[in-house]
């Protein structure tokens, strides 16, 4: 029988494990377990085999690609907007051009209707309106020997002032005597002028004054027989006298083609303008049949424009 002394029996451990010999067993929980000798084991990163810099480069490339795609989308949208805007502008320009052509067509139609109506009515000359518009350009012209009428016409002279038309026979005596100074008058005002040109074969003369006056316009078309006309002049020196009538005929006298009209004229009307309903000069009053009324003759304005560089 084994004694129950101070030492436990050999081969029995206090913890109940197998016997280890004659010494007490070491408790297993007294010291921590040591790691085995040698280098520590390598830890494995979350993404085995991938370097952190490579991951960043991958994310940067993906971002750049996304930005490039976004830029392409923006450019595409802008291009589509520009194409659409250009299409709208093109349509607007075509619409404006069509509207302009339509307006021009309507305007031409209205002008044609006005011309036809005017031809049908003979122009319907408004004597008061024509006289009020043209009289400031018509003057009494006087020399020491004769009195007549003159009027401002055509383009402005290069040196300034105003050129006027009259009959040569109005200034003939002064011109033949070498005198060039004449006077033009209206509304109690007198202005100096000079004989600039003389055309005896056409019974025309050009005067020049340094004053600026409104110039009349020469008619582009020959008036028709029966068309109304208005004459402004200074018969017997009575300036601003207005008479009306119609174109009676066209005559060839002394090798010259003249326009016959029945508006009253008298000595002093020579060199005065004959107007149509449009306030255009159609002739220059030049002759009156003696011992008769209503037979006046005028130089057609076309002859004036062909003879003198003024129209």
Protein backbone atom coordinates (compact mmCIF):
# COMPACT_ATOMS: atom_id res chain seq x y z
CA UNK A 1 0.00 0.00 0.00
CA UNK A 2 1.41 3.29 -1.02
CA UNK A 3 1.87 5.96 1.64
CA UNK A 4 0.09 9.29 1.40
CA UNK A 5 3.12 11.39 2.12
CA UNK A 6 4.31 14.69 0.75
CA UNK A 7 5.00 13.59 -2.78
CA UNK A 8 2.58 12.15 -5.18
CA UNK A 9 3.02 8.79 -6.61
CA UNK A 10 5.40 8.38 -9.41
CA UNK A 11 3.85 8.34 -12.86
CA UNK A 12 0.74 10.33 -11.88
CA UNK A 13 0.35 14.03 -12.70
CA UNK A 14 -1.80 16.38 -10.72
CA UNK A 15 -3.76 17.25 -13.77
CA UNK A 16 -4.55 13.73 -14.51
CA UNK A 17 -2.30 13.48 -17.56
CA UNK A 18 0.22 10.72 -18.15
CA UNK A 19 3.16 10.37 -15.93
CA UNK A 20 6.41 12.05 -16.91
CA UNK A 21 8.79 10.77 -14.49
CA UNK A 22 9.75 11.65 -11.00
CA UNK A 23 9.17 15.38 -11.29
CA UNK A 24 5.91 17.21 -11.06
CA UNK A 25 4.31 18.05 -14.40
CA UNK A 26 4.49 21.62 -15.68
CA UNK A 27 1.10 23.25 -15.90
CA UNK A 28 0.27 23.98 -19.51
CA UNK A 29 -1.20 27.40 -18.87
CA UNK A 30 1.73 28.92 -17.00
CA UNK A 31 3.55 30.45 -20.01
CA UNK A 32 2.40 31.55 -23.46
CA UNK A 33 3.23 29.38 -26.35
CA UNK A 34 6.30 30.71 -28.23
CA UNK A 35 6.33 31.15 -32.05
CA UNK A 36 8.57 28.82 -33.89
CA UNK A 37 12.08 29.99 -34.71
CA UNK A 38 12.90 31.66 -38.12
CA UNK A 39 11.50 34.70 -40.07
CA UNK A 40 7.89 35.67 -39.48
CA UNK A 41 5.39 34.47 -42.05
CA UNK A 42 4.44 36.96 -44.84
CA UNK A 43 1.01 38.49 -44.53
CA UNK A 44 -1.15 38.21 -47.66
CA UNK A 45 -2.65 41.61 -48.91
CA UNK A 46 -6.32 41.81 -49.69
CA UNK A 47 -5.66 41.55 -53.45
CA UNK A 48 -2.95 38.93 -53.73
CA UNK A 49 -0.31 39.75 -56.37
CA UNK A 50 -1.40 43.51 -57.03
CA UNK A 51 0.85 46.44 -56.17
CA UNK A 52 -0.86 49.55 -54.58
CA UNK A 53 0.63 51.92 -57.24
CA UNK A 54 -0.77 49.76 -60.01
CA UNK A 55 -4.19 49.95 -58.38
CA UNK A 56 -4.01 53.74 -58.33
CA UNK A 57 -2.94 53.82 -61.97
CA UNK A 58 -5.85 51.60 -62.85
CA UNK A 59 -8.30 53.86 -61.09
CA UNK A 60 -6.74 56.96 -62.83
CA UNK A 61 -7.06 55.35 -66.25
CA UNK A 62 -10.68 54.50 -65.62
CA UNK A 63 -11.37 58.09 -64.55
CA UNK A 64 -9.61 59.48 -67.65
CA UNK A 65 -11.65 57.18 -69.86
CA UNK A 66 -14.84 58.31 -68.15
CA UNK A 67 -13.90 61.97 -68.65
CA UNK A 68 -13.06 61.35 -72.32
CA UNK A 69 -16.41 59.69 -72.85
CA UNK A 70 -18.17 62.58 -71.11
CA UNK A 71 -16.28 65.07 -73.30
CA UNK A 72 -17.30 63.15 -76.42
CA UNK A 73 -20.91 63.26 -75.29
CA UNK A 74 -20.71 67.03 -74.66
CA UNK A 75 -19.07 67.64 -78.05
CA UNK A 76 -21.70 65.50 -79.72
CA UNK A 77 -24.51 67.42 -78.05
CA UNK A 78 -22.94 70.77 -79.03
CA UNK A 79 -22.46 69.61 -82.61
CA UNK A 80 -26.07 68.50 -82.80
CA UNK A 81 -27.18 71.87 -81.38
CA UNK A 82 -25.05 73.78 -83.92
CA UNK A 83 -26.42 71.72 -86.80
CA UNK A 84 -29.95 72.32 -85.59
CA UNK A 85 -29.27 76.06 -85.18
CA UNK A 86 -27.77 76.29 -88.69
CA UNK A 87 -30.81 74.50 -90.06
CA UNK A 88 -33.11 77.01 -88.36
CA UNK A 89 -31.04 79.94 -89.64
CA UNK A 90 -31.14 78.52 -93.16
CA UNK A 91 -34.90 78.16 -92.95
CA UNK A 92 -35.21 81.70 -91.60
CA UNK A 93 -33.07 83.10 -94.43
CA UNK A 94 -35.11 81.24 -97.02
CA UNK A 95 -38.33 82.52 -95.45
CA UNK A 96 -37.00 86.10 -95.42
CA UNK A 97 -35.89 85.82 -99.05
CA UNK A 98 -39.27 84.44 -100.06
CA UNK A 99 -41.03 87.25 -98.18
CA UNK A 100 -38.81 89.85 -99.86
CA UNK A 101 -39.53 88.41 -103.30
CA UNK A 102 -43.22 88.36 -102.49
CA UNK A 103 -43.10 92.01 -101.36
CA UNK A 104 -41.21 93.01 -104.50
CA UNK A 105 -43.74 91.18 -106.64
CA UNK A 106 -46.62 92.95 -104.91
CA UNK A 107 -44.83 96.30 -105.26
CA UNK A 108 -44.29 95.77 -108.98
CA UNK A 109 -47.93 94.81 -109.35
CA UNK A 110 -49.01 97.98 -107.55
CA UNK A 111 -46.69 100.10 -109.70
CA UNK A 112 -48.08 98.50 -112.86
CA UNK A 113 -51.61 99.20 -111.68
CA UNK A 114 -50.67 102.80 -110.86
CA UNK A 115 -49.10 103.26 -114.30
CA UNK A 116 -52.14 101.81 -116.02
CA UNK A 117 -54.47 103.97 -113.95
CA UNK A 118 -52.38 107.05 -114.67
CA UNK A 119 -52.39 106.29 -118.39
CA UNK A 120 -56.15 105.79 -118.30
CA UNK A 121 -56.82 109.05 -116.44
CA UNK A 122 -54.27 111.11 -118.35
CA UNK A 123 -52.20 111.82 -115.25
CA UNK A 124 -54.83 113.92 -113.41
CA UNK A 125 -52.52 116.88 -112.98
CA UNK A 126 -52.93 118.62 -109.64
CA UNK A 127 -52.06 122.15 -110.76
CA UNK A 128 -51.90 123.59 -107.23
CA UNK A 129 -49.56 120.85 -105.96
CA UNK A 130 -47.30 121.01 -109.01
CA UNK A 131 -47.11 124.82 -108.96
CA UNK A 132 -46.31 124.94 -105.24
CA UNK A 133 -43.50 122.43 -105.69
CA UNK A 134 -41.80 123.89 -108.78
CA UNK A 135 -42.17 127.67 -108.58
CA UNK A 136 -39.15 128.21 -106.23
CA UNK A 137 -36.94 126.93 -109.06
CA UNK A 138 -38.32 129.28 -111.77
CA UNK A 139 -37.00 132.87 -112.22
CA UNK A 140 -37.55 135.95 -114.31
CA UNK A 141 -34.35 136.70 -116.24
CA UNK A 142 -33.53 140.21 -117.43
CA UNK A 143 -30.83 141.85 -119.51
CA UNK A 144 -30.58 145.46 -120.68
CA UNK A 145 -32.52 144.46 -123.76
CA UNK A 146 -35.07 141.74 -122.94
CA UNK A 147 -37.03 139.87 -120.28
CA UNK A 148 -37.79 136.16 -120.18
CA UNK A 149 -37.88 133.13 -117.90
CA UNK A 150 -35.22 130.67 -116.68
CA UNK A 151 -35.26 127.61 -114.41
CA UNK A 152 -32.78 125.53 -112.40
CA UNK A 153 -32.31 122.06 -113.83
CA UNK A 154 -30.28 118.89 -113.55
CA UNK A 155 -27.14 118.00 -111.66
CA UNK A 156 -25.15 120.39 -109.51
CA UNK A 157 -22.15 122.11 -111.14
CA UNK A 158 -18.75 120.86 -110.03
CA UNK A 159 -17.77 124.32 -108.80
CA UNK A 160 -20.96 124.89 -106.79
CA UNK A 161 -23.83 127.25 -107.40
CA UNK A 162 -26.70 126.56 -109.83
CA UNK A 163 -27.05 126.29 -113.61
CA UNK A 164 -30.26 127.48 -115.26
CA UNK A 165 -31.84 127.01 -118.70
CA UNK A 166 -33.41 129.75 -120.85
CA UNK A 167 -33.93 130.53 -124.54
CA UNK A 168 -31.02 131.92 -126.46
CA UNK A 169 -33.21 134.65 -127.96
CA UNK A 170 -33.84 135.98 -124.42
CA UNK A 171 -30.13 136.78 -123.94
CA UNK A 172 -29.14 137.01 -127.60
CA UNK A 173 -28.63 140.76 -127.88
CA UNK A 174 -26.54 140.94 -124.70
CA UNK A 175 -24.50 137.89 -125.72
CA UNK A 176 -23.78 139.22 -129.22
CA UNK A 177 -22.56 142.49 -127.70
CA UNK A 178 -20.13 140.61 -125.50
CA UNK A 179 -22.10 141.13 -122.32
CA UNK A 180 -22.34 138.15 -119.98
CA UNK A 181 -23.95 139.59 -116.86
CA UNK A 182 -27.70 139.08 -116.36
CA UNK A 183 -30.09 139.12 -113.39
CA UNK A 184 -32.49 136.44 -112.20
CA UNK A 185 -35.39 137.45 -109.95
CA UNK A 186 -38.28 136.06 -107.97
CA UNK A 187 -40.37 137.29 -105.03
CA UNK A 188 -38.68 140.70 -105.06
CA UNK A 189 -35.24 139.14 -104.77
CA UNK A 190 -32.54 139.65 -107.39
CA UNK A 191 -29.47 137.49 -107.91
CA UNK A 192 -26.53 138.05 -110.26
CA UNK A 193 -25.89 135.45 -112.96
CA UNK A 194 -23.75 135.03 -116.07
CA UNK A 195 -24.30 133.58 -119.53
CA UNK A 196 -22.29 130.36 -119.40
CA UNK A 197 -23.19 128.67 -122.71
CA UNK A 198 -25.03 129.66 -125.88
CA UNK A 199 -26.56 127.29 -128.46
CA UNK A 200 -28.19 129.52 -131.10
CA UNK A 201 -29.10 126.61 -133.40
CA UNK A 202 -31.26 125.08 -130.66
CA UNK A 203 -32.40 128.44 -129.19
CA UNK A 204 -30.95 127.43 -125.82
CA UNK A 205 -28.62 129.13 -123.33
CA UNK A 206 -27.17 128.19 -119.95
CA UNK A 207 -26.90 130.69 -117.10
CA UNK A 208 -24.90 130.26 -113.91
CA UNK A 209 -25.34 131.80 -110.47
CA UNK A 210 -23.29 131.28 -107.32
CA UNK A 211 -26.54 130.89 -105.36
CA UNK A 212 -27.85 127.40 -104.53
CA UNK A 213 -31.40 126.70 -105.70
CA UNK A 214 -33.49 123.55 -105.89
CA UNK A 215 -32.99 121.96 -109.29
CA UNK A 216 -35.86 120.53 -111.32
CA UNK A 217 -35.91 117.05 -112.87
CA UNK A 218 -36.11 116.30 -116.60
CA UNK A 219 -38.81 113.85 -117.65
CA UNK A 220 -37.51 110.53 -118.97
CA UNK A 221 -40.54 109.90 -121.21
CA UNK A 222 -42.10 111.98 -123.97
CA UNK A 223 -45.61 113.13 -122.98
CA UNK A 224 -48.57 111.78 -124.91
CA UNK A 225 -50.87 113.95 -126.98
CA UNK A 226 -53.74 114.98 -124.72
CA UNK A 227 -51.66 114.68 -121.54
CA UNK A 228 -52.13 117.65 -119.17
CA UNK A 229 -49.27 120.13 -118.70
CA UNK A 230 -48.53 123.19 -116.57
CA UNK A 231 -46.42 126.21 -117.56
CA UNK A 232 -44.68 128.58 -115.14
CA UNK A 233 -43.15 131.84 -116.35
CA UNK A 234 -43.03 135.62 -116.36
CA UNK A 235 -45.34 136.80 -119.18
CA UNK A 236 -44.89 140.55 -119.66
CA UNK A 237 -42.55 140.38 -116.63
CA UNK A 238 -45.23 138.98 -114.27
CA UNK A 239 -43.20 136.33 -112.47
CA UNK A 240 -44.67 133.15 -110.98
CA UNK A 241 -47.53 133.07 -113.50
CA UNK A 242 -49.07 129.60 -113.84
CA UNK A 243 -51.21 128.36 -116.76
CA UNK A 244 -52.43 124.88 -117.64
CA UNK A 245 -53.43 123.00 -120.77
CA UNK A 246 -52.69 119.80 -122.65
CA UNK A 247 -50.16 118.57 -125.16
CA UNK A 248 -51.83 119.36 -128.50
CA UNK A 249 -49.41 117.81 -131.01
CA UNK A 250 -45.79 117.39 -132.04
CA UNK A 251 -44.66 119.54 -134.97
CA UNK A 252 -41.59 119.75 -137.18
CA UNK A 253 -40.87 123.42 -137.84
CA UNK A 254 -37.69 124.71 -139.49
CA UNK A 255 -36.10 121.32 -139.17
CA UNK A 256 -36.73 121.21 -135.41
CA UNK A 257 -39.20 118.97 -133.61
CA UNK A 258 -41.38 121.01 -131.25
CA UNK A 259 -44.15 120.18 -128.80
CA UNK A 260 -47.42 122.08 -129.29
CA UNK A 261 -49.57 122.83 -126.23
CA UNK A 262 -52.60 124.99 -125.52
CA UNK A 263 -51.65 126.53 -122.14
CA UNK A 264 -51.63 130.33 -122.44
CA UNK A 265 -48.19 131.92 -122.93
CA UNK A 266 -47.10 135.46 -123.85
CA UNK A 267 -43.85 137.42 -124.38
CA UNK A 268 -41.81 136.86 -121.25
CA UNK A 269 -42.72 133.15 -121.02
CA UNK A 270 -39.79 132.33 -123.31
CA UNK A 271 -37.33 130.01 -121.60
CA UNK A 272 -39.87 128.86 -119.01
CA UNK A 273 -40.47 125.19 -118.07
CA UNK A 274 -43.44 123.06 -119.12
CA UNK A 275 -44.32 120.38 -116.53
CA UNK A 276 -46.20 117.09 -116.48
CA UNK A 277 -48.32 115.77 -113.60
CA UNK A 278 -45.21 114.25 -111.95
CA UNK A 279 -43.58 117.71 -111.59
CA UNK A 280 -41.03 116.80 -114.27
CA UNK A 281 -39.92 119.19 -117.00
CA UNK A 282 -41.15 118.01 -120.42
CA UNK A 283 -40.24 121.12 -122.46
CA UNK A 284 -39.03 124.72 -122.65
CA UNK A 285 -41.63 127.26 -123.81
CA UNK A 286 -40.17 129.09 -126.80
CA UNK A 287 -42.78 130.36 -129.32
CA UNK A 288 -46.36 131.51 -129.58
CA UNK A 289 -48.40 131.76 -132.77
CA UNK A 290 -49.15 135.42 -133.49
CA UNK A 291 -52.71 136.68 -133.58
CA UNK A 292 -54.00 133.44 -132.06
CA UNK A 293 -54.60 131.92 -128.67
CA UNK A 294 -53.87 128.45 -127.40
CA UNK A 295 -51.04 127.66 -129.80
CA UNK A 296 -47.76 127.55 -127.94
CA UNK A 297 -44.60 125.64 -128.84
CA UNK A 298 -41.89 124.17 -126.62
CA UNK A 299 -38.49 122.60 -127.15
CA UNK A 300 -38.77 118.98 -125.89
CA UNK A 301 -36.65 118.35 -122.81
CA UNK A 302 -34.93 115.48 -124.61
CA UNK A 303 -33.40 118.04 -127.01
CA UNK A 304 -32.16 120.08 -124.04
CA UNK A 305 -30.51 117.02 -122.48
CA UNK A 306 -28.90 116.03 -125.78
CA UNK A 307 -27.55 119.55 -126.36
CA UNK A 308 -26.40 120.45 -122.84
CA UNK A 309 -24.65 118.21 -120.28
CA UNK A 310 -27.02 119.15 -117.49
CA UNK A 311 -29.71 116.44 -117.14
